[in-house]
Amino acid sequence: MANTDQEILEGLAEIVAEETGLDQADILLEKSFTDDLDIDSLSMMTIVTHAEDKFGVRIPDEEVKNLATVGDAVSFIKSAQA
């Protein structure tokens, strides 16, 4: 069953917070992974792996570079679940 945008955001925020130590409340749709959240490529790959497991989707390596913001990731996960 597909998750709502809010459920995906909450799950993704939990993953990002666990990986980075950031407050979940600071992980918003418009936040850039690199500029706003200061996530490096290794941490991003860890986040992607956990998101794939949590949401039951596959995020190909070539797609990861297109996920600039938290909102991009939420949209990708939602469409991959459809």
Protein backbone atom coordinates (compact mmCIF):
# COMPACT_ATOMS: atom_id res chain seq x y z
CA MET A 1 0.00 0.00 0.00
CA ALA A 2 1.31 3.42 -0.94
CA ASN A 3 2.10 5.93 1.79
CA THR A 4 0.84 9.52 1.84
CA ASP A 5 3.29 12.38 1.32
CA GLN A 6 3.15 13.12 5.05
CA GLU A 7 3.88 9.49 6.00
CA ILE A 8 6.82 9.42 3.60
CA LEU A 9 8.13 12.75 4.93
CA GLU A 10 7.88 11.53 8.52
CA GLY A 11 9.62 8.24 7.72
CA LEU A 12 12.33 9.95 5.70
CA ALA A 13 12.84 12.58 8.41
CA GLU A 14 13.30 9.78 10.95
CA ILE A 15 15.95 8.14 8.74
CA VAL A 16 17.77 11.43 8.08
CA ALA A 17 17.68 12.40 11.76
CA GLU A 18 19.09 9.03 12.79
CA GLU A 19 21.91 9.28 10.23
CA THR A 20 22.81 12.93 10.83
CA GLY A 21 21.71 13.80 14.34
CA LEU A 22 19.51 16.60 13.02
CA ASP A 23 16.16 17.36 14.62
CA GLN A 24 13.31 15.72 12.69
CA ALA A 25 11.38 19.00 12.83
CA ASP A 26 14.11 20.65 10.72
CA ILE A 27 13.78 18.12 7.89
CA LEU A 28 11.20 19.81 5.66
CA LEU A 29 10.16 19.29 2.03
CA GLU A 30 11.99 22.37 0.75
CA LYS A 31 15.30 21.55 2.47
CA SER A 32 18.27 20.71 0.26
CA PHE A 33 20.12 17.59 1.32
CA THR A 34 23.53 19.16 0.66
CA ASP A 35 23.05 22.90 1.22
CA ASP A 36 20.54 22.98 4.09
CA LEU A 37 21.07 19.62 5.79
CA ASP A 38 24.81 19.29 5.04
CA ILE A 39 24.53 15.63 4.00
CA ASP A 40 27.58 14.19 2.23
CA SER A 41 27.48 11.50 -0.46
CA LEU A 42 28.24 8.61 1.91
CA SER A 43 25.48 9.63 4.32
CA MET A 44 23.12 10.09 1.36
CA MET A 45 23.75 6.54 0.19
CA THR A 46 23.05 5.25 3.71
CA ILE A 47 19.82 7.26 3.81
CA VAL A 48 18.82 5.90 0.39
CA THR A 49 19.45 2.30 1.49
CA HIS A 50 17.34 2.76 4.63
CA ALA A 51 14.58 4.50 2.64
CA GLU A 52 14.52 1.63 0.14
CA ASP A 53 14.08 -0.84 2.99
CA LYS A 54 11.49 1.23 4.86
CA PHE A 55 9.32 2.07 1.86
CA GLY A 56 9.86 -1.05 -0.25
CA VAL A 57 11.14 0.86 -3.29
CA ARG A 58 14.28 0.83 -5.40
CA ILE A 59 16.12 4.13 -5.86
CA PRO A 60 18.67 3.59 -8.66
CA ASP A 61 22.07 5.24 -8.22
CA GLU A 62 21.47 7.38 -11.31
CA GLU A 63 18.29 8.77 -9.68
CA VAL A 64 19.96 9.69 -6.39
CA LYS A 65 21.76 12.65 -7.98
CA ASN A 66 18.33 14.05 -8.98
CA LEU A 67 17.10 14.04 -5.38
CA ALA A 68 18.27 17.52 -4.42
CA THR A 69 15.62 18.22 -1.79
CA VAL A 70 13.64 16.26 0.75
CA GLY A 71 10.57 16.99 -1.39
CA ASP A 72 12.27 15.42 -4.43
CA ALA A 73 12.86 12.25 -2.42
CA VAL A 74 9.28 12.17 -1.12
CA SER A 75 7.93 12.56 -4.68
CA PHE A 76 10.24 9.85 -6.02
CA ILE A 77 9.31 7.40 -3.28
CA LYS A 78 5.59 8.07 -3.74
CA SER A 79 5.77 7.52 -7.52
CA ALA A 80 7.89 4.37 -7.04
CA GLN A 81 5.24 2.94 -4.71
CA ALA A 82 2.42 3.55 -7.19
